[in-house]
Amino acid sequence: MRYELVGSSGVIGYKPNVDKLFGMPIKLTAGGMSCDLIDSQMVATLDRDREKYIQTNKSLGVIGSSLEHLVLEQLFATNGEQGFSAVKAMQVANQEGQKIFTITKDNYQEIIPQLNLAPAAIADIESAAKAGYTVTTHQNRISLDGYTGEGYIILDSSGNGAWMINGGMYGAEYYLNADEGLTLALTLFGVTMFCSLRSSSFVMPY
């Protein structure tokens, strides 16, 4: 297996909660930090085994989604608070004993009515399943350290795809309390931090 990270970038930003009236913002309250890591990668199996290729892509997706919430935890957590990503959502849902669904165009009509998620997430999941993608998600919304949402994974036939949270968002989020949020709002208002990850490659012996 040969894997090469051609180029990557990431963005970390502060996302306040904005209350609106007739479409106009009227109130700003503490929100949280968001993180999205985007990579461009090349994966090839030395023996042209497609199943290995698919499983490698899925594994890289798990790693990427996990790193997104771990970056936020390492930067901002002071007392063991947790970030929220698609992978973290699946972990928490499993610990809670929730049903984990694999949704396709063949079964979405049966499963969609069982989901207790945000309407935007359900619409996104249904649209992806109708288009032929495979979607993995949990049954009920999750509350974690002040943050409430859902996670879902949309994959194509090659194992590549999107690791989503809260009805169309990529990456991960980390909830801040009021004091932390207001402090960051003052210091990070209008500022996003971009980082580039060094290109790398490695070869696995299969």
N, C-alpha and C. Protein backbone atom coordinates (compact mmCIF):
# COMPACT_ATOMS: atom_id res chain seq x y z
N MET A 1 0.84 -1.19 0.00
CA MET A 1 0.00 0.00 0.00
C MET A 1 0.88 1.24 0.00
N ARG A 2 0.63 2.15 -0.93
CA ARG A 2 1.36 3.42 -0.95
C ARG A 2 0.39 4.56 -0.68
N TYR A 3 0.77 5.42 0.24
CA TYR A 3 -0.05 6.58 0.60
C TYR A 3 0.81 7.83 0.51
N GLU A 4 0.29 8.84 -0.16
CA GLU A 4 1.02 10.10 -0.25
C GLU A 4 0.08 11.26 0.02
N LEU A 5 0.45 12.09 0.98
CA LEU A 5 -0.31 13.30 1.28
C LEU A 5 0.22 14.42 0.39
N VAL A 6 -0.54 14.75 -0.63
CA VAL A 6 -0.07 15.69 -1.64
C VAL A 6 -0.03 17.11 -1.08
N GLY A 7 -1.03 17.47 -0.33
CA GLY A 7 -1.06 18.81 0.26
C GLY A 7 -2.28 18.92 1.15
N SER A 8 -2.16 19.64 2.24
CA SER A 8 -3.27 19.76 3.17
C SER A 8 -3.37 21.17 3.71
N SER A 9 -4.54 21.50 4.18
CA SER A 9 -4.74 22.79 4.84
C SER A 9 -5.80 22.61 5.90
N GLY A 10 -5.87 23.55 6.80
CA GLY A 10 -6.86 23.47 7.86
C GLY A 10 -7.30 24.86 8.28
N VAL A 11 -8.47 24.92 8.87
CA VAL A 11 -8.94 26.20 9.37
C VAL A 11 -9.54 26.00 10.75
N ILE A 12 -9.20 26.88 11.66
CA ILE A 12 -9.77 26.90 13.00
C ILE A 12 -10.36 28.28 13.23
N GLY A 13 -11.59 28.34 13.66
CA GLY A 13 -12.21 29.63 13.85
C GLY A 13 -13.22 29.62 14.99
N TYR A 14 -13.61 30.81 15.41
CA TYR A 14 -14.61 30.96 16.45
C TYR A 14 -15.97 31.18 15.82
N LYS A 15 -16.98 30.44 16.29
CA LYS A 15 -18.33 30.53 15.73
C LYS A 15 -19.30 30.92 16.85
N PRO A 16 -19.65 32.20 16.96
CA PRO A 16 -20.60 32.61 18.00
C PRO A 16 -22.02 32.23 17.63
N ASN A 17 -22.90 32.20 18.61
CA ASN A 17 -24.32 32.00 18.36
C ASN A 17 -24.97 33.35 18.07
N VAL A 18 -25.69 33.43 16.97
CA VAL A 18 -26.30 34.69 16.55
C VAL A 18 -27.82 34.53 16.53
N ASP A 19 -28.50 35.30 17.36
CA ASP A 19 -29.97 35.34 17.33
C ASP A 19 -30.42 36.39 16.32
N LYS A 20 -31.42 36.03 15.52
CA LYS A 20 -31.87 36.93 14.47
C LYS A 20 -33.36 37.23 14.60
N LEU A 21 -33.75 38.38 14.11
CA LEU A 21 -35.15 38.77 14.04
C LEU A 21 -35.41 39.27 12.62
N PHE A 22 -36.29 38.56 11.92
CA PHE A 22 -36.58 38.88 10.52
C PHE A 22 -35.30 38.90 9.68
N GLY A 23 -34.43 37.93 9.99
CA GLY A 23 -33.20 37.80 9.22
C GLY A 23 -32.08 38.73 9.62
N MET A 24 -32.30 39.60 10.60
CA MET A 24 -31.27 40.54 11.04
C MET A 24 -30.71 40.12 12.39
N PRO A 25 -29.38 40.12 12.54
CA PRO A 25 -28.78 39.73 13.83
C PRO A 25 -29.13 40.74 14.92
N ILE A 26 -29.57 40.23 16.07
CA ILE A 26 -29.95 41.12 17.17
C ILE A 26 -29.21 40.80 18.46
N LYS A 27 -28.60 39.60 18.54
CA LYS A 27 -27.93 39.22 19.78
C LYS A 27 -26.80 38.25 19.48
N LEU A 28 -25.67 38.46 20.13
CA LEU A 28 -24.50 37.61 19.97
C LEU A 28 -24.16 36.99 21.32
N THR A 29 -24.12 35.66 21.37
CA THR A 29 -23.77 34.96 22.60
C THR A 29 -22.63 33.99 22.33
N ALA A 30 -22.03 33.51 23.42
CA ALA A 30 -20.88 32.62 23.30
C ALA A 30 -21.23 31.37 22.51
N GLY A 31 -20.35 30.99 21.63
CA GLY A 31 -20.54 29.79 20.82
C GLY A 31 -19.41 28.80 21.05
N GLY A 32 -18.68 28.48 20.01
CA GLY A 32 -17.62 27.50 20.16
C GLY A 32 -16.59 27.62 19.04
N MET A 33 -15.57 26.80 19.13
CA MET A 33 -14.52 26.75 18.13
C MET A 33 -14.85 25.66 17.11
N SER A 34 -14.49 25.91 15.87
CA SER A 34 -14.68 24.90 14.83
C SER A 34 -13.34 24.60 14.17
N CYS A 35 -13.21 23.39 13.67
CA CYS A 35 -11.97 22.96 13.04
C CYS A 35 -12.30 22.10 11.83
N ASP A 36 -11.70 22.40 10.70
CA ASP A 36 -11.88 21.58 9.50
C ASP A 36 -10.52 21.38 8.86
N LEU A 37 -10.08 20.14 8.76
CA LEU A 37 -8.81 19.80 8.13
C LEU A 37 -9.10 19.20 6.77
N ILE A 38 -8.50 19.76 5.74
CA ILE A 38 -8.75 19.34 4.37
C ILE A 38 -7.45 18.81 3.79
N ASP A 39 -7.49 17.60 3.26
CA ASP A 39 -6.27 17.07 2.67
C ASP A 39 -6.52 16.57 1.25
N SER A 40 -5.45 16.56 0.50
CA SER A 40 -5.45 16.01 -0.85
C SER A 40 -4.45 14.86 -0.84
N GLN A 41 -4.92 13.66 -1.09
CA GLN A 41 -4.07 12.50 -0.89
C GLN A 41 -4.16 11.52 -2.05
N MET A 42 -3.13 10.73 -2.17
CA MET A 42 -3.09 9.67 -3.18
C MET A 42 -2.90 8.34 -2.48
N VAL A 43 -3.76 7.38 -2.77
CA VAL A 43 -3.69 6.05 -2.18
C VAL A 43 -3.66 5.02 -3.30
N ALA A 44 -2.73 4.09 -3.23
CA ALA A 44 -2.66 3.03 -4.24
C ALA A 44 -2.21 1.74 -3.59
N THR A 45 -2.82 0.63 -3.98
CA THR A 45 -2.41 -0.68 -3.48
C THR A 45 -1.38 -1.26 -4.44
N LEU A 46 -0.31 -1.77 -3.89
CA LEU A 46 0.76 -2.31 -4.73
C LEU A 46 0.32 -3.55 -5.49
N ASP A 47 -0.67 -4.28 -4.93
CA ASP A 47 -1.14 -5.50 -5.61
C ASP A 47 -2.49 -5.29 -6.28
N ARG A 48 -2.94 -4.02 -6.40
CA ARG A 48 -4.19 -3.66 -7.07
C ARG A 48 -5.41 -4.31 -6.41
N ASP A 49 -5.33 -4.54 -5.10
CA ASP A 49 -6.45 -5.11 -4.37
C ASP A 49 -7.43 -3.99 -4.01
N ARG A 50 -8.61 -3.98 -4.62
CA ARG A 50 -9.56 -2.90 -4.43
C ARG A 50 -10.09 -2.87 -3.00
N GLU A 51 -10.28 -4.02 -2.37
CA GLU A 51 -10.81 -4.04 -1.01
C GLU A 51 -9.83 -3.38 -0.04
N LYS A 52 -8.54 -3.61 -0.22
CA LYS A 52 -7.55 -2.93 0.61
C LYS A 52 -7.61 -1.42 0.40
N TYR A 53 -7.80 -1.02 -0.85
CA TYR A 53 -7.89 0.40 -1.18
C TYR A 53 -9.09 1.04 -0.48
N ILE A 54 -10.23 0.38 -0.51
CA ILE A 54 -11.44 0.90 0.13
C ILE A 54 -11.25 1.00 1.63
N GLN A 55 -10.73 -0.06 2.24
CA GLN A 55 -10.56 -0.06 3.69
C GLN A 55 -9.54 0.99 4.15
N THR A 56 -8.50 1.21 3.33
CA THR A 56 -7.51 2.24 3.66
C THR A 56 -8.15 3.62 3.64
N ASN A 57 -8.97 3.89 2.63
CA ASN A 57 -9.66 5.18 2.55
C ASN A 57 -10.56 5.40 3.76
N LYS A 58 -11.27 4.36 4.17
CA LYS A 58 -12.14 4.48 5.35
C LYS A 58 -11.31 4.74 6.60
N SER A 59 -10.19 4.04 6.74
CA SER A 59 -9.34 4.23 7.91
C SER A 59 -8.78 5.65 7.96
N LEU A 60 -8.38 6.18 6.80
CA LEU A 60 -7.87 7.55 6.76
C LEU A 60 -8.96 8.55 7.13
N GLY A 61 -10.20 8.25 6.76
CA GLY A 61 -11.32 9.11 7.15
C GLY A 61 -11.53 9.12 8.65
N VAL A 62 -11.43 7.96 9.27
CA VAL A 62 -11.57 7.87 10.73
C VAL A 62 -10.47 8.69 11.42
N ILE A 63 -9.24 8.53 10.93
CA ILE A 63 -8.12 9.26 11.52
C ILE A 63 -8.33 10.77 11.37
N GLY A 64 -8.72 11.20 10.17
CA GLY A 64 -8.91 12.62 9.94
C GLY A 64 -10.00 13.23 10.81
N SER A 65 -11.14 12.56 10.92
CA SER A 65 -12.23 13.06 11.75
C SER A 65 -11.82 13.10 13.22
N SER A 66 -11.10 12.08 13.66
CA SER A 66 -10.64 12.05 15.05
C SER A 66 -9.67 13.19 15.35
N LEU A 67 -8.76 13.46 14.41
CA LEU A 67 -7.80 14.54 14.62
C LEU A 67 -8.50 15.89 14.74
N GLU A 68 -9.61 16.06 14.03
CA GLU A 68 -10.31 17.34 14.08
C GLU A 68 -10.82 17.65 15.48
N HIS A 69 -11.42 16.66 16.16
CA HIS A 69 -11.87 16.98 17.52
C HIS A 69 -10.70 16.95 18.51
N LEU A 70 -9.68 16.14 18.25
CA LEU A 70 -8.53 16.10 19.16
C LEU A 70 -7.74 17.40 19.13
N VAL A 71 -7.62 18.03 17.97
CA VAL A 71 -6.93 19.32 17.88
C VAL A 71 -7.61 20.35 18.77
N LEU A 72 -8.94 20.41 18.73
CA LEU A 72 -9.67 21.37 19.55
C LEU A 72 -9.53 21.05 21.04
N GLU A 73 -9.57 19.77 21.38
CA GLU A 73 -9.42 19.39 22.79
C GLU A 73 -8.04 19.78 23.31
N GLN A 74 -7.00 19.54 22.50
CA GLN A 74 -5.65 19.85 22.96
C GLN A 74 -5.41 21.36 23.06
N LEU A 75 -6.08 22.13 22.21
CA LEU A 75 -5.90 23.57 22.24
C LEU A 75 -6.68 24.26 23.34
N PHE A 76 -7.89 23.76 23.65
CA PHE A 76 -8.80 24.54 24.48
C PHE A 76 -9.28 23.84 25.76
N ALA A 77 -9.24 22.51 25.82
CA ALA A 77 -9.77 21.83 26.99
C ALA A 77 -8.86 22.04 28.19
N THR A 78 -9.47 22.33 29.35
CA THR A 78 -8.71 22.52 30.57
C THR A 78 -9.09 21.51 31.65
N ASN A 79 -10.28 20.93 31.54
CA ASN A 79 -10.75 19.98 32.55
C ASN A 79 -11.36 18.73 31.91
N GLY A 80 -10.76 18.28 30.83
CA GLY A 80 -11.23 17.06 30.19
C GLY A 80 -12.43 17.23 29.29
N GLU A 81 -12.77 18.48 28.91
CA GLU A 81 -13.89 18.69 28.00
C GLU A 81 -13.60 18.02 26.66
N GLN A 82 -14.66 17.69 25.94
CA GLN A 82 -14.51 16.94 24.69
C GLN A 82 -15.00 17.75 23.49
N GLY A 83 -14.30 17.58 22.38
CA GLY A 83 -14.74 18.14 21.12
C GLY A 83 -15.74 17.21 20.46
N PHE A 84 -16.39 17.69 19.42
CA PHE A 84 -17.46 16.94 18.76
C PHE A 84 -17.14 16.81 17.27
N SER A 85 -17.08 15.58 16.79
CA SER A 85 -16.85 15.29 15.38
C SER A 85 -17.72 14.10 14.99
N ALA A 86 -17.69 13.71 13.72
CA ALA A 86 -18.47 12.56 13.29
C ALA A 86 -18.03 11.29 14.02
N VAL A 87 -16.72 11.11 14.16
CA VAL A 87 -16.21 9.93 14.86
C VAL A 87 -16.61 9.97 16.33
N LYS A 88 -16.48 11.15 16.98
CA LYS A 88 -16.86 11.25 18.39
C LYS A 88 -18.35 10.98 18.56
N ALA A 89 -19.17 11.46 17.62
CA ALA A 89 -20.62 11.22 17.70
C ALA A 89 -20.92 9.72 17.67
N MET A 90 -20.24 8.98 16.80
CA MET A 90 -20.47 7.53 16.73
C MET A 90 -20.02 6.84 18.01
N GLN A 91 -18.90 7.29 18.57
CA GLN A 91 -18.41 6.70 19.82
C GLN A 91 -19.40 6.91 20.95
N VAL A 92 -19.88 8.14 21.09
CA VAL A 92 -20.81 8.45 22.18
C VAL A 92 -22.13 7.71 21.97
N ALA A 93 -22.63 7.69 20.74
CA ALA A 93 -23.88 6.98 20.46
C ALA A 93 -23.77 5.50 20.79
N ASN A 94 -22.64 4.92 20.48
CA ASN A 94 -22.42 3.51 20.79
C ASN A 94 -22.39 3.28 22.30
N GLN A 95 -21.74 4.19 23.03
CA GLN A 95 -21.69 4.08 24.49
C GLN A 95 -23.08 4.23 25.10
N GLU A 96 -23.93 5.04 24.48
CA GLU A 96 -25.28 5.24 24.97
C GLU A 96 -26.22 4.10 24.59
N GLY A 97 -25.75 3.18 23.77
CA GLY A 97 -26.60 2.08 23.34
C GLY A 97 -27.54 2.44 22.20
N GLN A 98 -27.25 3.53 21.50
CA GLN A 98 -28.09 3.92 20.38
C GLN A 98 -27.91 2.95 19.20
N LYS A 99 -28.92 2.91 18.35
CA LYS A 99 -28.80 2.18 17.10
C LYS A 99 -27.90 2.96 16.14
N ILE A 100 -27.02 2.24 15.47
CA ILE A 100 -26.17 2.82 14.43
C ILE A 100 -26.67 2.26 13.10
N PHE A 101 -27.04 3.15 12.19
CA PHE A 101 -27.65 2.73 10.93
C PHE A 101 -26.67 2.89 9.77
N THR A 102 -26.72 1.94 8.84
CA THR A 102 -26.07 2.07 7.54
C THR A 102 -27.19 2.26 6.52
N ILE A 103 -27.22 3.43 5.90
CA ILE A 103 -28.35 3.81 5.07
C ILE A 103 -27.93 3.87 3.60
N THR A 104 -28.70 3.24 2.73
CA THR A 104 -28.43 3.24 1.30
C THR A 104 -29.72 3.59 0.55
N LYS A 105 -29.63 3.66 -0.76
CA LYS A 105 -30.82 3.96 -1.55
C LYS A 105 -31.85 2.83 -1.49
N ASP A 106 -31.42 1.65 -1.01
CA ASP A 106 -32.34 0.52 -0.92
C ASP A 106 -33.14 0.49 0.37
N ASN A 107 -32.65 1.18 1.42
CA ASN A 107 -33.35 1.08 2.70
C ASN A 107 -33.67 2.43 3.35
N TYR A 108 -33.35 3.55 2.67
CA TYR A 108 -33.52 4.85 3.33
C TYR A 108 -34.98 5.14 3.70
N GLN A 109 -35.92 4.65 2.90
CA GLN A 109 -37.32 4.93 3.21
C GLN A 109 -37.76 4.25 4.51
N GLU A 110 -37.13 3.15 4.84
CA GLU A 110 -37.44 2.44 6.09
C GLU A 110 -36.74 3.08 7.29
N ILE A 111 -35.52 3.56 7.10
CA ILE A 111 -34.71 4.03 8.22
C ILE A 111 -34.92 5.50 8.55
N ILE A 112 -35.09 6.34 7.54
CA ILE A 112 -35.21 7.78 7.77
C ILE A 112 -36.26 8.12 8.84
N PRO A 113 -37.46 7.50 8.82
CA PRO A 113 -38.46 7.84 9.85
C PRO A 113 -38.03 7.50 11.27
N GLN A 114 -36.99 6.66 11.45
CA GLN A 114 -36.52 6.28 12.78
C GLN A 114 -35.50 7.26 13.36
N LEU A 115 -35.05 8.22 12.56
CA LEU A 115 -34.00 9.14 13.00
C LEU A 115 -34.59 10.32 13.76
N ASN A 116 -34.03 10.58 14.93
CA ASN A 116 -34.42 11.74 15.75
C ASN A 116 -33.28 12.75 15.73
N LEU A 117 -33.00 13.27 14.55
CA LEU A 117 -31.90 14.21 14.35
C LEU A 117 -32.47 15.54 13.87
N ALA A 118 -31.60 16.52 13.72
CA ALA A 118 -32.03 17.82 13.22
C ALA A 118 -32.57 17.67 11.80
N PRO A 119 -33.62 18.43 11.44
CA PRO A 119 -34.19 18.32 10.10
C PRO A 119 -33.18 18.50 8.97
N ALA A 120 -32.22 19.43 9.14
CA ALA A 120 -31.22 19.65 8.10
C ALA A 120 -30.34 18.43 7.91
N ALA A 121 -30.00 17.76 9.01
CA ALA A 121 -29.19 16.55 8.92
C ALA A 121 -29.96 15.43 8.24
N ILE A 122 -31.22 15.26 8.60
CA ILE A 122 -32.04 14.21 7.99
C ILE A 122 -32.18 14.45 6.49
N ALA A 123 -32.39 15.71 6.11
CA ALA A 123 -32.51 16.03 4.68
C ALA A 123 -31.21 15.72 3.94
N ASP A 124 -30.08 16.04 4.56
CA ASP A 124 -28.78 15.78 3.95
C ASP A 124 -28.55 14.28 3.80
N ILE A 125 -28.89 13.52 4.83
CA ILE A 125 -28.72 12.07 4.80
C ILE A 125 -29.59 11.44 3.72
N GLU A 126 -30.84 11.86 3.68
CA GLU A 126 -31.77 11.31 2.68
C GLU A 126 -31.31 11.63 1.26
N SER A 127 -30.86 12.85 1.04
CA SER A 127 -30.39 13.25 -0.28
C SER A 127 -29.18 12.42 -0.71
N ALA A 128 -28.25 12.19 0.23
CA ALA A 128 -27.05 11.40 -0.09
C ALA A 128 -27.41 9.95 -0.41
N ALA A 129 -28.31 9.37 0.38
CA ALA A 129 -28.72 7.98 0.14
C ALA A 129 -29.41 7.85 -1.21
N LYS A 130 -30.28 8.77 -1.55
CA LYS A 130 -30.97 8.73 -2.84
C LYS A 130 -29.97 8.81 -4.00
N ALA A 131 -28.87 9.54 -3.78
CA ALA A 131 -27.87 9.71 -4.83
C ALA A 131 -26.93 8.52 -4.97
N GLY A 132 -27.10 7.52 -4.10
CA GLY A 132 -26.29 6.31 -4.21
C GLY A 132 -25.14 6.19 -3.24
N TYR A 133 -25.01 7.15 -2.35
CA TYR A 133 -23.96 7.07 -1.33
C TYR A 133 -24.41 6.19 -0.16
N THR A 134 -23.45 5.72 0.61
CA THR A 134 -23.73 4.97 1.83
C THR A 134 -23.53 5.89 3.02
N VAL A 135 -24.54 6.00 3.87
CA VAL A 135 -24.49 6.92 5.00
C VAL A 135 -24.55 6.12 6.31
N THR A 136 -23.67 6.44 7.22
CA THR A 136 -23.68 5.85 8.56
C THR A 136 -24.01 6.94 9.57
N THR A 137 -24.99 6.67 10.42
CA THR A 137 -25.35 7.65 11.45
C THR A 137 -25.99 6.95 12.63
N HIS A 138 -26.28 7.71 13.68
CA HIS A 138 -26.89 7.19 14.90
C HIS A 138 -28.34 7.66 14.96
N GLN A 139 -29.11 7.13 15.90
CA GLN A 139 -30.56 7.36 15.91
C GLN A 139 -30.97 8.70 16.51
N ASN A 140 -30.35 9.09 17.63
CA ASN A 140 -30.80 10.28 18.37
C ASN A 140 -29.70 11.32 18.47
N ARG A 141 -30.10 12.58 18.66
CA ARG A 141 -29.13 13.65 18.87
C ARG A 141 -28.32 13.39 20.13
N ILE A 142 -27.12 13.95 20.17
CA ILE A 142 -26.19 13.72 21.28
C ILE A 142 -25.88 15.05 21.96
N SER A 143 -25.84 15.03 23.28
CA SER A 143 -25.40 16.18 24.06
C SER A 143 -24.07 15.84 24.71
N LEU A 144 -23.08 16.70 24.50
CA LEU A 144 -21.73 16.42 24.99
C LEU A 144 -21.07 17.72 25.43
N ASP A 145 -20.85 17.87 26.73
CA ASP A 145 -20.14 19.03 27.27
C ASP A 145 -20.72 20.34 26.75
N GLY A 146 -22.05 20.47 26.80
CA GLY A 146 -22.70 21.71 26.41
C GLY A 146 -23.04 21.81 24.94
N TYR A 147 -22.61 20.83 24.15
CA TYR A 147 -22.85 20.86 22.71
C TYR A 147 -23.89 19.80 22.35
N THR A 148 -24.84 20.14 21.51
CA THR A 148 -25.86 19.19 21.08
C THR A 148 -25.84 19.09 19.56
N GLY A 149 -25.82 17.87 19.05
CA GLY A 149 -25.79 17.70 17.61
C GLY A 149 -25.78 16.25 17.20
N GLU A 150 -25.43 16.01 15.95
CA GLU A 150 -25.36 14.66 15.42
C GLU A 150 -24.17 14.57 14.47
N GLY A 151 -23.75 13.34 14.22
CA GLY A 151 -22.67 13.10 13.27
C GLY A 151 -23.12 12.06 12.25
N TYR A 152 -22.64 12.20 11.04
CA TYR A 152 -22.95 11.19 10.01
C TYR A 152 -21.84 11.16 8.98
N ILE A 153 -21.68 10.00 8.37
CA ILE A 153 -20.58 9.75 7.45
C ILE A 153 -21.16 9.37 6.10
N ILE A 154 -20.78 10.09 5.06
CA ILE A 154 -21.27 9.85 3.71
C ILE A 154 -20.10 9.35 2.86
N LEU A 155 -20.20 8.11 2.38
CA LEU A 155 -19.10 7.50 1.62
C LEU A 155 -19.56 7.07 0.24
N ASP A 156 -18.62 7.16 -0.72
CA ASP A 156 -18.89 6.60 -2.04
C ASP A 156 -18.38 5.18 -2.11
N SER A 157 -18.42 4.57 -3.27
CA SER A 157 -18.06 3.15 -3.40
C SER A 157 -16.58 2.89 -3.19
N SER A 158 -15.75 3.95 -3.20
CA SER A 158 -14.31 3.77 -3.00
C SER A 158 -13.90 3.97 -1.54
N GLY A 159 -14.86 4.31 -0.67
CA GLY A 159 -14.54 4.55 0.73
C GLY A 159 -14.18 5.99 1.04
N ASN A 160 -14.20 6.85 0.02
CA ASN A 160 -13.96 8.27 0.22
C ASN A 160 -15.28 8.98 0.51
N GLY A 161 -15.22 10.11 1.20
CA GLY A 161 -16.46 10.80 1.45
C GLY A 161 -16.33 11.95 2.42
N ALA A 162 -17.43 12.26 3.08
CA ALA A 162 -17.52 13.40 3.97
C ALA A 162 -17.91 12.94 5.37
N TRP A 163 -17.23 13.49 6.37
CA TRP A 163 -17.48 13.17 7.77
C TRP A 163 -18.11 14.40 8.39
N MET A 164 -19.43 14.36 8.56
CA MET A 164 -20.24 15.55 8.79
C MET A 164 -20.78 15.65 10.21
N ILE A 165 -21.09 16.88 10.62
CA ILE A 165 -21.81 17.12 11.86
C ILE A 165 -22.89 18.16 11.61
N ASN A 166 -23.98 18.03 12.32
CA ASN A 166 -25.02 19.07 12.38
C ASN A 166 -25.50 19.61 11.04
N GLY A 167 -26.01 18.71 10.20
CA GLY A 167 -26.71 19.13 9.01
C GLY A 167 -25.92 19.91 7.99
N GLY A 168 -24.76 19.39 7.61
CA GLY A 168 -24.01 20.00 6.52
C GLY A 168 -22.67 20.59 6.89
N MET A 169 -22.29 20.53 8.16
CA MET A 169 -21.00 21.07 8.57
C MET A 169 -19.92 20.00 8.50
N TYR A 170 -18.76 20.39 8.01
CA TYR A 170 -17.61 19.50 7.99
C TYR A 170 -16.77 19.73 9.25
N GLY A 171 -15.98 18.72 9.62
CA GLY A 171 -15.01 18.92 10.69
C GLY A 171 -15.53 18.64 12.08
N ALA A 172 -15.16 19.53 13.02
CA ALA A 172 -15.47 19.31 14.43
C ALA A 172 -15.77 20.65 15.09
N GLU A 173 -16.42 20.59 16.27
CA GLU A 173 -16.68 21.79 17.05
C GLU A 173 -16.37 21.51 18.52
N TYR A 174 -16.12 22.59 19.24
CA TYR A 174 -15.82 22.51 20.67
C TYR A 174 -16.56 23.64 21.36
N TYR A 175 -17.43 23.29 22.29
CA TYR A 175 -18.28 24.28 22.96
C TYR A 175 -17.47 25.04 24.01
N LEU A 176 -17.68 26.35 24.06
CA LEU A 176 -17.03 27.19 25.05
C LEU A 176 -18.06 27.74 26.03
N ASN A 177 -17.68 27.87 27.30
CA ASN A 177 -18.60 28.52 28.24
C ASN A 177 -18.63 30.02 27.98
N ALA A 178 -19.49 30.73 28.68
CA ALA A 178 -19.71 32.15 28.38
C ALA A 178 -18.44 32.98 28.52
N ASP A 179 -17.69 32.78 29.61
CA ASP A 179 -16.48 33.56 29.81
C ASP A 179 -15.44 33.29 28.73
N GLU A 180 -15.23 32.00 28.43
CA GLU A 180 -14.26 31.65 27.38
C GLU A 180 -14.70 32.21 26.04
N GLY A 181 -15.99 32.08 25.76
CA GLY A 181 -16.50 32.52 24.46
C GLY A 181 -16.37 34.01 24.25
N LEU A 182 -16.69 34.79 25.27
CA LEU A 182 -16.61 36.24 25.12
C LEU A 182 -15.17 36.70 25.00
N THR A 183 -14.28 36.04 25.72
CA THR A 183 -12.86 36.39 25.60
C THR A 183 -12.36 36.13 24.20
N LEU A 184 -12.70 34.97 23.66
CA LEU A 184 -12.26 34.64 22.32
C LEU A 184 -12.95 35.51 21.27
N ALA A 185 -14.20 35.87 21.53
CA ALA A 185 -14.91 36.72 20.59
C ALA A 185 -14.19 38.05 20.41
N LEU A 186 -13.63 38.57 21.52
CA LEU A 186 -12.91 39.84 21.46
C LEU A 186 -11.57 39.70 20.75
N THR A 187 -10.92 38.54 20.93
CA THR A 187 -9.58 38.39 20.38
C THR A 187 -9.55 37.76 18.99
N LEU A 188 -10.60 37.00 18.66
CA LEU A 188 -10.59 36.30 17.38
C LEU A 188 -11.66 36.77 16.41
N PHE A 189 -12.36 37.83 16.76
CA PHE A 189 -13.43 38.32 15.90
C PHE A 189 -12.87 38.65 14.51
N GLY A 190 -13.44 38.03 13.50
CA GLY A 190 -13.03 38.29 12.13
C GLY A 190 -11.72 37.66 11.74
N VAL A 191 -11.15 36.79 12.62
CA VAL A 191 -9.85 36.19 12.33
C VAL A 191 -9.99 34.68 12.21
N THR A 192 -9.41 34.10 11.20
CA THR A 192 -9.31 32.65 11.07
C THR A 192 -7.84 32.29 10.95
N MET A 193 -7.50 31.15 11.47
CA MET A 193 -6.11 30.70 11.45
C MET A 193 -5.97 29.54 10.47
N PHE A 194 -5.12 29.71 9.52
CA PHE A 194 -4.90 28.67 8.52
C PHE A 194 -3.54 28.02 8.77
N CYS A 195 -3.51 26.74 8.53
CA CYS A 195 -2.24 26.03 8.68
C CYS A 195 -2.05 25.08 7.51
N SER A 196 -0.83 24.84 7.14
CA SER A 196 -0.51 23.89 6.09
C SER A 196 0.25 22.74 6.72
N LEU A 197 -0.15 21.54 6.35
CA LEU A 197 0.51 20.35 6.87
C LEU A 197 1.56 19.89 5.87
N ARG A 198 2.70 19.57 6.36
CA ARG A 198 3.82 19.16 5.51
C ARG A 198 3.46 17.90 4.72
N SER A 199 3.77 17.90 3.44
CA SER A 199 3.52 16.73 2.60
C SER A 199 4.34 15.57 3.11
N SER A 200 3.78 14.37 3.01
CA SER A 200 4.49 13.19 3.47
C SER A 200 4.05 11.98 2.68
N SER A 201 4.81 10.94 2.76
CA SER A 201 4.42 9.70 2.08
C SER A 201 5.02 8.53 2.83
N PHE A 202 4.41 7.38 2.67
CA PHE A 202 4.96 6.16 3.25
C PHE A 202 4.47 4.98 2.43
N VAL A 203 5.15 3.87 2.57
CA VAL A 203 4.79 2.66 1.86
C VAL A 203 4.57 1.55 2.86
N MET A 204 3.40 0.90 2.79
CA MET A 204 3.12 -0.26 3.62
C MET A 204 3.53 -1.53 2.87
N PRO A 205 3.98 -2.56 3.56
CA PRO A 205 4.51 -3.76 2.88
C PRO A 205 3.41 -4.72 2.43
N TYR A 206 2.37 -4.20 1.74
CA TYR A 206 1.38 -5.10 1.14
C TYR A 206 0.65 -4.37 0.03
